[in-house]
Amino acid sequence: MKRVIVDFKKLNKDILNLLVEKFPDGYSDEDIISFKNHHNDMIEAVEVKTEDTIYLVKISERLAGVMQDHEDDGVDTDMDIPVATVSKEEMAEQEEE
């Protein structure tokens, strides 16, 4: 099974739909997974699974708003950026940016 860490800014509509479906009333503290990246920075994320991939979506203050807006609109968002599978090395490079 692939594991992918993705920032909410890079969510595609399919993953956003899964988030809204899994957390229709928003996520709570029990849903948050915390871990440290290679810079020893604390990262918080929520988990969404598909048949072949586990996504850890990094949370921020804006994620809840994006989820709410998506649910309220009931239409596709303009966030059609594809999510790519990345290696641990690539994740480390992304965290440095």
PDB file of N, CA and C in Angstrom:
ATOM      1  N   MET A   1       0.851  -1.174   0.000  1.00  0.00           N
ATOM      2  CA  MET A   1       0.000   0.000   0.000  1.00  0.00           C
ATOM      3  C   MET A   1       0.898   1.238   0.000  1.00  0.00           C
ATOM      4  N   LYS A   2       0.582   2.193  -0.856  1.00  0.00           N
ATOM      5  CA  LYS A   2       1.341   3.446  -0.925  1.00  0.00           C
ATOM      6  C   LYS A   2       0.932   4.348   0.229  1.00  0.00           C
ATOM      7  N   ARG A   3       1.892   5.129   0.687  1.00  0.00           N
ATOM      8  CA  ARG A   3       1.627   6.128   1.716  1.00  0.00           C
ATOM      9  C   ARG A   3       2.053   7.482   1.171  1.00  0.00           C
ATOM     10  N   VAL A   4       1.156   8.443   1.246  1.00  0.00           N
ATOM     11  CA  VAL A   4       1.402   9.752   0.654  1.00  0.00           C
ATOM     12  C   VAL A   4       1.060  10.829   1.671  1.00  0.00           C
ATOM     13  N   ILE A   5       1.988  11.770   1.848  1.00  0.00           N
ATOM     14  CA  ILE A   5       1.712  12.951   2.660  1.00  0.00           C
ATOM     15  C   ILE A   5       1.433  14.088   1.698  1.00  0.00           C
ATOM     16  N   VAL A   6       0.319  14.780   1.917  1.00  0.00           N
ATOM     17  CA  VAL A   6      -0.075  15.852   1.006  1.00  0.00           C
ATOM     18  C   VAL A   6      -0.546  17.063   1.796  1.00  0.00           C
ATOM     19  N   ASP A   7      -0.189  18.224   1.322  1.00  0.00           N
ATOM     20  CA  ASP A   7      -0.638  19.470   1.924  1.00  0.00           C
ATOM     21  C   ASP A   7      -2.049  19.762   1.426  1.00  0.00           C
ATOM     22  N   PHE A   8      -2.867  20.376   2.250  1.00  0.00           N
ATOM     23  CA  PHE A   8      -4.247  20.627   1.833  1.00  0.00           C
ATOM     24  C   PHE A   8      -4.298  21.486   0.576  1.00  0.00           C
ATOM     25  N   LYS A   9      -3.298  22.312   0.340  1.00  0.00           N
ATOM     26  CA  LYS A   9      -3.284  23.174  -0.845  1.00  0.00           C
ATOM     27  C   LYS A   9      -3.174  22.363  -2.128  1.00  0.00           C
ATOM     28  N   LYS A  10      -2.694  21.123  -2.019  1.00  0.00           N
ATOM     29  CA  LYS A  10      -2.491  20.293  -3.201  1.00  0.00           C
ATOM     30  C   LYS A  10      -3.516  19.171  -3.309  1.00  0.00           C
ATOM     31  N   LEU A  11      -4.605  19.287  -2.595  1.00  0.00           N
ATOM     32  CA  LEU A  11      -5.646  18.262  -2.657  1.00  0.00           C
ATOM     33  C   LEU A  11      -6.344  18.279  -4.008  1.00  0.00           C
ATOM     34  N   ASN A  12      -6.573  17.091  -4.536  1.00  0.00           N
ATOM     35  CA  ASN A  12      -7.429  17.034  -5.721  1.00  0.00           C
ATOM     36  C   ASN A  12      -8.859  16.799  -5.238  1.00  0.00           C
ATOM     37  N   LYS A  13      -9.802  16.905  -6.137  1.00  0.00           N
ATOM     38  CA  LYS A  13     -11.209  16.822  -5.730  1.00  0.00           C
ATOM     39  C   LYS A  13     -11.573  15.454  -5.174  1.00  0.00           C
ATOM     40  N   ASP A  14     -10.918  14.383  -5.636  1.00  0.00           N
ATOM     41  CA  ASP A  14     -11.239  13.046  -5.137  1.00  0.00           C
ATOM     42  C   ASP A  14     -10.853  12.891  -3.668  1.00  0.00           C
ATOM     43  N   ILE A  15      -9.668  13.365  -3.314  1.00  0.00           N
ATOM     44  CA  ILE A  15      -9.224  13.264  -1.921  1.00  0.00           C
ATOM     45  C   ILE A  15     -10.058  14.200  -1.046  1.00  0.00           C
ATOM     46  N   LEU A  16     -10.379  15.363  -1.560  1.00  0.00           N
ATOM     47  CA  LEU A  16     -11.224  16.289  -0.811  1.00  0.00           C
ATOM     48  C   LEU A  16     -12.596  15.666  -0.562  1.00  0.00           C
ATOM     49  N   ASN A  17     -13.136  14.980  -1.560  1.00  0.00           N
ATOM     50  CA  ASN A  17     -14.418  14.275  -1.380  1.00  0.00           C
ATOM     51  C   ASN A  17     -14.306  13.217  -0.293  1.00  0.00           C
ATOM     52  N   LEU A  18     -13.196  12.461  -0.280  1.00  0.00           N
ATOM     53  CA  LEU A  18     -12.993  11.441   0.752  1.00  0.00           C
ATOM     54  C   LEU A  18     -12.920  12.068   2.140  1.00  0.00           C
ATOM     55  N   LEU A  19     -12.232  13.199   2.251  1.00  0.00           N
ATOM     56  CA  LEU A  19     -12.139  13.893   3.539  1.00  0.00           C
ATOM     57  C   LEU A  19     -13.512  14.325   4.033  1.00  0.00           C
ATOM     58  N   VAL A  20     -14.292  14.927   3.158  1.00  0.00           N
ATOM     59  CA  VAL A  20     -15.629  15.397   3.538  1.00  0.00           C
ATOM     60  C   VAL A  20     -16.530  14.215   3.890  1.00  0.00           C
ATOM     61  N   GLU A  21     -16.370  13.121   3.159  1.00  0.00           N
ATOM     62  CA  GLU A  21     -17.163  11.914   3.424  1.00  0.00           C
ATOM     63  C   GLU A  21     -16.790  11.310   4.782  1.00  0.00           C
ATOM     64  N   LYS A  22     -15.476  11.245   5.067  1.00  0.00           N
ATOM     65  CA  LYS A  22     -15.012  10.634   6.324  1.00  0.00           C
ATOM     66  C   LYS A  22     -15.282  11.548   7.521  1.00  0.00           C
ATOM     67  N   PHE A  23     -15.168  12.849   7.314  1.00  0.00           N
ATOM     68  CA  PHE A  23     -15.344  13.809   8.406  1.00  0.00           C
ATOM     69  C   PHE A  23     -16.441  14.822   8.052  1.00  0.00           C
ATOM     70  N   PRO A  24     -17.702  14.371   7.939  1.00  0.00           N
ATOM     71  CA  PRO A  24     -18.778  15.279   7.509  1.00  0.00           C
ATOM     72  C   PRO A  24     -19.000  16.439   8.472  1.00  0.00           C
ATOM     73  N   ASP A  25     -18.693  16.241   9.744  1.00  0.00           N
ATOM     74  CA  ASP A  25     -18.857  17.300  10.736  1.00  0.00           C
ATOM     75  C   ASP A  25     -17.518  17.908  11.124  1.00  0.00           C
ATOM     76  N   GLY A  26     -16.501  17.662  10.315  1.00  0.00           N
ATOM     77  CA  GLY A  26     -15.155  18.139  10.631  1.00  0.00           C
ATOM     78  C   GLY A  26     -14.402  17.106  11.448  1.00  0.00           C
ATOM     79  N   TYR A  27     -13.119  17.284  11.535  1.00  0.00           N
ATOM     80  CA  TYR A  27     -12.294  16.346  12.302  1.00  0.00           C
ATOM     81  C   TYR A  27     -12.110  16.868  13.719  1.00  0.00           C
ATOM     82  N   SER A  28     -11.813  15.946  14.628  1.00  0.00           N
ATOM     83  CA  SER A  28     -11.599  16.324  16.023  1.00  0.00           C
ATOM     84  C   SER A  28     -10.169  15.972  16.424  1.00  0.00           C
ATOM     85  N   ASP A  29      -9.823  16.271  17.651  1.00  0.00           N
ATOM     86  CA  ASP A  29      -8.475  15.988  18.142  1.00  0.00           C
ATOM     87  C   ASP A  29      -8.134  14.496  18.045  1.00  0.00           C
ATOM     88  N   GLU A  30      -9.129  13.637  18.214  1.00  0.00           N
ATOM     89  CA  GLU A  30      -8.885  12.190  18.156  1.00  0.00           C
ATOM     90  C   GLU A  30      -8.523  11.736  16.742  1.00  0.00           C
ATOM     91  N   ASP A  31      -8.898  12.507  15.731  1.00  0.00           N
ATOM     92  CA  ASP A  31      -8.636  12.150  14.339  1.00  0.00           C
ATOM     93  C   ASP A  31      -7.247  12.589  13.866  1.00  0.00           C
ATOM     94  N   ILE A  32      -6.590  13.428  14.639  1.00  0.00           N
ATOM     95  CA  ILE A  32      -5.316  14.012  14.213  1.00  0.00           C
ATOM     96  C   ILE A  32      -4.159  13.091  14.567  1.00  0.00           C
ATOM     97  N   ILE A  33      -3.305  12.873  13.574  1.00  0.00           N
ATOM     98  CA  ILE A  33      -2.086  12.093  13.746  1.00  0.00           C
ATOM     99  C   ILE A  33      -0.931  13.087  13.788  1.00  0.00           C
ATOM    100  N   SER A  34      -0.104  13.002  14.818  1.00  0.00           N
ATOM    101  CA  SER A  34       1.038  13.906  14.953  1.00  0.00           C
ATOM    102  C   SER A  34       2.331  13.130  14.777  1.00  0.00           C
ATOM    103  N   PHE A  35       3.280  13.728  14.054  1.00  0.00           N
ATOM    104  CA  PHE A  35       4.595  13.115  13.870  1.00  0.00           C
ATOM    105  C   PHE A  35       5.605  14.212  13.577  1.00  0.00           C
ATOM    106  N   LYS A  36       6.878  13.871  13.691  1.00  0.00           N
ATOM    107  CA  LYS A  36       7.931  14.842  13.416  1.00  0.00           C
ATOM    108  C   LYS A  36       8.565  14.525  12.073  1.00  0.00           C
ATOM    109  N   ASN A  37       8.845  15.581  11.311  1.00  0.00           N
ATOM    110  CA  ASN A  37       9.531  15.392  10.034  1.00  0.00           C
ATOM    111  C   ASN A  37      11.037  15.342  10.276  1.00  0.00           C
ATOM    112  N   HIS A  38      11.802  15.272   9.211  1.00  0.00           N
ATOM    113  CA  HIS A  38      13.247  15.139   9.363  1.00  0.00           C
ATOM    114  C   HIS A  38      13.912  16.399   9.923  1.00  0.00           C
ATOM    115  N   HIS A  39      13.193  17.527   9.961  1.00  0.00           N
ATOM    116  CA  HIS A  39      13.687  18.756  10.570  1.00  0.00           C
ATOM    117  C   HIS A  39      13.279  18.846  12.036  1.00  0.00           C
ATOM    118  N   ASN A  40      12.637  17.785  12.511  1.00  0.00           N
ATOM    119  CA  ASN A  40      12.134  17.717  13.877  1.00  0.00           C
ATOM    120  C   ASN A  40      10.977  18.694  14.115  1.00  0.00           C
ATOM    121  N   ASP A  41      10.301  19.114  13.040  1.00  0.00           N
ATOM    122  CA  ASP A  41       9.109  19.946  13.148  1.00  0.00           C
ATOM    123  C   ASP A  41       7.901  19.041  13.362  1.00  0.00           C
ATOM    124  N   MET A  42       7.009  19.449  14.238  1.00  0.00           N
ATOM    125  CA  MET A  42       5.803  18.668  14.487  1.00  0.00           C
ATOM    126  C   MET A  42       4.816  18.879  13.332  1.00  0.00           C
ATOM    127  N   ILE A  43       4.345  17.796  12.753  1.00  0.00           N
ATOM    128  CA  ILE A  43       3.365  17.811  11.669  1.00  0.00           C
ATOM    129  C   ILE A  43       2.089  17.168  12.191  1.00  0.00           C
ATOM    130  N   GLU A  44       0.964  17.762  11.867  1.00  0.00           N
ATOM    131  CA  GLU A  44      -0.330  17.190  12.217  1.00  0.00           C
ATOM    132  C   GLU A  44      -1.087  16.918  10.933  1.00  0.00           C
ATOM    133  N   ALA A  45      -1.737  15.754  10.879  1.00  0.00           N
ATOM    134  CA  ALA A  45      -2.433  15.342   9.665  1.00  0.00           C
ATOM    135  C   ALA A  45      -3.647  14.498  10.026  1.00  0.00           C
ATOM    136  N   VAL A  46      -4.551  14.377   9.071  1.00  0.00           N
ATOM    137  CA  VAL A  46      -5.664  13.438   9.195  1.00  0.00           C
ATOM    138  C   VAL A  46      -5.486  12.388   8.102  1.00  0.00           C
ATOM    139  N   GLU A  47      -5.953  11.189   8.383  1.00  0.00           N
ATOM    140  CA  GLU A  47      -5.738  10.055   7.479  1.00  0.00           C
ATOM    141  C   GLU A  47      -6.989   9.751   6.666  1.00  0.00           C
ATOM    142  N   VAL A  48      -6.767   9.500   5.386  1.00  0.00           N
ATOM    143  CA  VAL A  48      -7.829   9.059   4.488  1.00  0.00           C
ATOM    144  C   VAL A  48      -7.267   7.900   3.684  1.00  0.00           C
ATOM    145  N   LYS A  49      -8.041   6.823   3.569  1.00  0.00           N
ATOM    146  CA  LYS A  49      -7.573   5.630   2.855  1.00  0.00           C
ATOM    147  C   LYS A  49      -8.395   5.377   1.604  1.00  0.00           C
ATOM    148  N   THR A  50      -7.699   4.910   0.582  1.00  0.00           N
ATOM    149  CA  THR A  50      -8.359   4.363  -0.597  1.00  0.00           C
ATOM    150  C   THR A  50      -7.955   2.895  -0.647  1.00  0.00           C
ATOM    151  N   GLU A  51      -8.354   2.192  -1.695  1.00  0.00           N
ATOM    152  CA  GLU A  51      -8.022   0.772  -1.783  1.00  0.00           C
ATOM    153  C   GLU A  51      -6.523   0.519  -1.804  1.00  0.00           C
ATOM    154  N   ASP A  52      -5.763   1.435  -2.411  1.00  0.00           N
ATOM    155  CA  ASP A  52      -4.333   1.186  -2.570  1.00  0.00           C
ATOM    156  C   ASP A  52      -3.426   2.244  -1.956  1.00  0.00           C
ATOM    157  N   THR A  53      -4.007   3.278  -1.325  1.00  0.00           N
ATOM    158  CA  THR A  53      -3.188   4.375  -0.826  1.00  0.00           C
ATOM    159  C   THR A  53      -3.706   4.891   0.514  1.00  0.00           C
ATOM    160  N   ILE A  54      -2.769   5.233   1.391  1.00  0.00           N
ATOM    161  CA  ILE A  54      -3.099   5.929   2.629  1.00  0.00           C
ATOM    162  C   ILE A  54      -2.585   7.351   2.467  1.00  0.00           C
ATOM    163  N   TYR A  55      -3.487   8.318   2.586  1.00  0.00           N
ATOM    164  CA  TYR A  55      -3.114   9.722   2.483  1.00  0.00           C
ATOM    165  C   TYR A  55      -3.098  10.330   3.878  1.00  0.00           C
ATOM    166  N   LEU A  56      -2.025  11.010   4.209  1.00  0.00           N
ATOM    167  CA  LEU A  56      -1.966  11.841   5.400  1.00  0.00           C
ATOM    168  C   LEU A  56      -2.049  13.277   4.904  1.00  0.00           C
ATOM    169  N   VAL A  57      -3.168  13.924   5.180  1.00  0.00           N
ATOM    170  CA  VAL A  57      -3.387  15.293   4.720  1.00  0.00           C
ATOM    171  C   VAL A  57      -2.979  16.229   5.851  1.00  0.00           C
ATOM    172  N   LYS A  58      -1.922  17.001   5.599  1.00  0.00           N
ATOM    173  CA  LYS A  58      -1.447  17.947   6.605  1.00  0.00           C
ATOM    174  C   LYS A  58      -2.531  18.973   6.866  1.00  0.00           C
ATOM    175  N   ILE A  59      -2.772  19.204   8.140  1.00  0.00           N
ATOM    176  CA  ILE A  59      -3.852  20.115   8.493  1.00  0.00           C
ATOM    177  C   ILE A  59      -3.304  21.500   8.807  1.00  0.00           C
ATOM    178  N   SER A  60      -4.177  22.446   8.654  1.00  0.00           N
ATOM    179  CA  SER A  60      -3.903  23.824   9.023  1.00  0.00           C
ATOM    180  C   SER A  60      -5.248  24.452   9.326  1.00  0.00           C
ATOM    181  N   GLU A  61      -5.229  25.697   9.696  1.00  0.00           N
ATOM    182  CA  GLU A  61      -6.487  26.392   9.991  1.00  0.00           C
ATOM    183  C   GLU A  61      -7.391  26.433   8.771  1.00  0.00           C
ATOM    184  N   ARG A  62      -6.814  26.459   7.587  1.00  0.00           N
ATOM    185  CA  ARG A  62      -7.613  26.603   6.372  1.00  0.00           C
ATOM    186  C   ARG A  62      -8.238  25.297   5.889  1.00  0.00           C
ATOM    187  N   LEU A  63      -7.717  24.131   6.297  1.00  0.00           N
ATOM    188  CA  LEU A  63      -8.265  22.861   5.812  1.00  0.00           C
ATOM    189  C   LEU A  63      -9.738  22.732   6.159  1.00  0.00           C
ATOM    190  N   ALA A  64     -10.105  23.038   7.381  1.00  0.00           N
ATOM    191  CA  ALA A  64     -11.511  22.925   7.787  1.00  0.00           C
ATOM    192  C   ALA A  64     -12.391  23.824   6.925  1.00  0.00           C
ATOM    193  N   GLY A  65     -11.921  25.013   6.618  1.00  0.00           N
ATOM    194  CA  GLY A  65     -12.682  25.929   5.765  1.00  0.00           C
ATOM    195  C   GLY A  65     -12.840  25.402   4.355  1.00  0.00           C
ATOM    196  N   VAL A  66     -11.766  24.820   3.814  1.00  0.00           N
ATOM    197  CA  VAL A  66     -11.824  24.252   2.459  1.00  0.00           C
ATOM    198  C   VAL A  66     -12.813  23.097   2.425  1.00  0.00           C
ATOM    199  N   MET A  67     -12.772  22.238   3.456  1.00  0.00           N
ATOM    200  CA  MET A  67     -13.714  21.112   3.518  1.00  0.00           C
ATOM    201  C   MET A  67     -15.143  21.626   3.606  1.00  0.00           C
ATOM    202  N   GLN A  68     -15.380  22.629   4.437  1.00  0.00           N
ATOM    203  CA  GLN A  68     -16.724  23.170   4.608  1.00  0.00           C
ATOM    204  C   GLN A  68     -17.220  23.804   3.317  1.00  0.00           C
ATOM    205  N   ASP A  69     -16.373  24.576   2.667  1.00  0.00           N
ATOM    206  CA  ASP A  69     -16.756  25.207   1.408  1.00  0.00           C
ATOM    207  C   ASP A  69     -17.089  24.162   0.349  1.00  0.00           C
ATOM    208  N   HIS A  70     -16.295  23.104   0.299  1.00  0.00           N
ATOM    209  CA  HIS A  70     -16.529  22.046  -0.685  1.00  0.00           C
ATOM    210  C   HIS A  70     -17.862  21.363  -0.419  1.00  0.00           C
ATOM    211  N   GLU A  71     -18.136  21.076   0.834  1.00  0.00           N
ATOM    212  CA  GLU A  71     -19.391  20.419   1.201  1.00  0.00           C
ATOM    213  C   GLU A  71     -20.582  21.331   0.915  1.00  0.00           C
ATOM    214  N   ASP A  72     -20.452  22.626   1.225  1.00  0.00           N
ATOM    215  CA  ASP A  72     -21.540  23.573   1.003  1.00  0.00           C
ATOM    216  C   ASP A  72     -21.829  23.778  -0.474  1.00  0.00           C
ATOM    217  N   ASP A  73     -20.773  23.840  -1.273  1.00  0.00           N
ATOM    218  CA  ASP A  73     -20.936  24.077  -2.699  1.00  0.00           C
ATOM    219  C   ASP A  73     -21.589  22.893  -3.399  1.00  0.00           C
ATOM    220  N   GLY A  74     -21.151  21.704  -3.036  1.00  0.00           N
ATOM    221  CA  GLY A  74     -21.662  20.522  -3.705  1.00  0.00           C
ATOM    222  C   GLY A  74     -21.228  20.442  -5.156  1.00  0.00           C
ATOM    223  N   VAL A  75     -20.224  21.210  -5.507  1.00  0.00           N
ATOM    224  CA  VAL A  75     -19.695  21.207  -6.869  1.00  0.00           C
ATOM    225  C   VAL A  75     -18.202  21.012  -6.809  1.00  0.00           C
ATOM    226  N   ASP A  76     -17.618  20.741  -7.976  1.00  0.00           N
ATOM    227  CA  ASP A  76     -16.179  20.566  -8.057  1.00  0.00           C
ATOM    228  C   ASP A  76     -15.470  21.842  -7.664  1.00  0.00           C
ATOM    229  N   THR A  77     -14.318  21.685  -7.032  1.00  0.00           N
ATOM    230  CA  THR A  77     -13.509  22.843  -6.699  1.00  0.00           C
ATOM    231  C   THR A  77     -12.511  23.088  -7.805  1.00  0.00           C
ATOM    232  N   ASP A  78     -11.797  24.175  -7.683  1.00  0.00           N
ATOM    233  CA  ASP A  78     -10.754  24.458  -8.655  1.00  0.00           C
ATOM    234  C   ASP A  78      -9.428  23.843  -8.223  1.00  0.00           C
ATOM    235  N   MET A  79      -9.465  22.946  -7.267  1.00  0.00           N
ATOM    236  CA  MET A  79      -8.255  22.326  -6.744  1.00  0.00           C
ATOM    237  C   MET A  79      -8.013  20.998  -7.448  1.00  0.00           C
ATOM    238  N   ASP A  80      -7.799  21.006  -8.733  1.00  0.00           N
ATOM    239  CA  ASP A  80      -7.592  19.792  -9.498  1.00  0.00           C
ATOM    240  C   ASP A  80      -6.113  19.489  -9.694  1.00  0.00           C
ATOM    241  N   ILE A  81      -5.312  19.788  -8.701  1.00  0.00           N
ATOM    242  CA  ILE A  81      -3.884  19.514  -8.777  1.00  0.00           C
ATOM    243  C   ILE A  81      -3.692  18.039  -8.465  1.00  0.00           C
ATOM    244  N   PRO A  82      -3.049  17.292  -9.329  1.00  0.00           N
ATOM    245  CA  PRO A  82      -2.863  15.872  -9.061  1.00  0.00           C
ATOM    246  C   PRO A  82      -1.923  15.643  -7.883  1.00  0.00           C
ATOM    247  N   VAL A  83      -2.198  14.597  -7.143  1.00  0.00           N
ATOM    248  CA  VAL A  83      -1.342  14.215  -6.031  1.00  0.00           C
ATOM    249  C   VAL A  83      -0.415  13.117  -6.512  1.00  0.00           C
ATOM    250  N   ALA A  84       0.856  13.288  -6.288  1.00  0.00           N
ATOM    251  CA  ALA A  84       1.832  12.312  -6.746  1.00  0.00           C
ATOM    252  C   ALA A  84       2.350  11.512  -5.570  1.00  0.00           C
ATOM    253  N   THR A  85       2.706  10.284  -5.822  1.00  0.00           N
ATOM    254  CA  THR A  85       3.352   9.463  -4.819  1.00  0.00           C
ATOM    255  C   THR A  85       4.792   9.924  -4.711  1.00  0.00           C
ATOM    256  N   VAL A  86       5.252  10.090  -3.479  1.00  0.00           N
ATOM    257  CA  VAL A  86       6.615  10.559  -3.279  1.00  0.00           C
ATOM    258  C   VAL A  86       7.369   9.624  -2.357  1.00  0.00           C
ATOM    259  N   SER A  87       8.668   9.566  -2.546  1.00  0.00           N
ATOM    260  CA  SER A  87       9.507   8.745  -1.683  1.00  0.00           C
ATOM    261  C   SER A  87       9.816   9.525  -0.410  1.00  0.00           C
ATOM    262  N   LYS A  88      10.420   8.854   0.571  1.00  0.00           N
ATOM    263  CA  LYS A  88      10.804   9.532   1.802  1.00  0.00           C
ATOM    264  C   LYS A  88      11.782  10.659   1.519  1.00  0.00           C
ATOM    265  N   GLU A  89      12.678  10.433   0.575  1.00  0.00           N
ATOM    266  CA  GLU A  89      13.658  11.463   0.215  1.00  0.00           C
ATOM    267  C   GLU A  89      12.966  12.685  -0.386  1.00  0.00           C
ATOM    268  N   GLU A  90      11.985  12.433  -1.262  1.00  0.00           N
ATOM    269  CA  GLU A  90      11.254  13.544  -1.879  1.00  0.00           C
ATOM    270  C   GLU A  90      10.433  14.289  -0.845  1.00  0.00           C
ATOM    271  N   MET A  91       9.857  13.556   0.131  1.00  0.00           N
ATOM    272  CA  MET A  91       9.100  14.218   1.192  1.00  0.00           C
ATOM    273  C   MET A  91      10.031  15.114   1.991  1.00  0.00           C
ATOM    274  N   ALA A  92      11.234  14.630   2.264  1.00  0.00           N
ATOM    275  CA  ALA A  92      12.193  15.433   3.007  1.00  0.00           C
ATOM    276  C   ALA A  92      12.531  16.700   2.241  1.00  0.00           C
ATOM    277  N   GLU A  93      12.711  16.606   0.953  1.00  0.00           N
ATOM    278  CA  GLU A  93      13.010  17.783   0.137  1.00  0.00           C
ATOM    279  C   GLU A  93      11.836  18.752   0.153  1.00  0.00           C
ATOM    280  N   GLN A  94      10.607  18.240   0.089  1.00  0.00           N
ATOM    281  CA  GLN A  94       9.428  19.107   0.097  1.00  0.00           C
ATOM    282  C   GLN A  94       9.316  19.845   1.422  1.00  0.00           C
ATOM    283  N   GLU A  95       9.653  19.176   2.519  1.00  0.00           N
ATOM    284  CA  GLU A  95       9.570  19.807   3.822  1.00  0.00           C
ATOM    285  C   GLU A  95      10.576  20.949   3.956  1.00  0.00           C
ATOM    286  N   GLU A  96      11.702  20.837   3.244  1.00  0.00           N
ATOM    287  CA  GLU A  96      12.721  21.882   3.314  1.00  0.00           C
ATOM    288  C   GLU A  96      12.256  23.153   2.641  1.00  0.00           C
ATOM    289  N   GLU A  97      11.365  23.055   1.686  1.00  0.00           N
ATOM    290  CA  GLU A  97      10.917  24.234   0.924  1.00  0.00           C
ATOM    291  C   GLU A  97       9.983  25.104   1.701  1.00  0.00           C
TER     292      GLU A  97
END
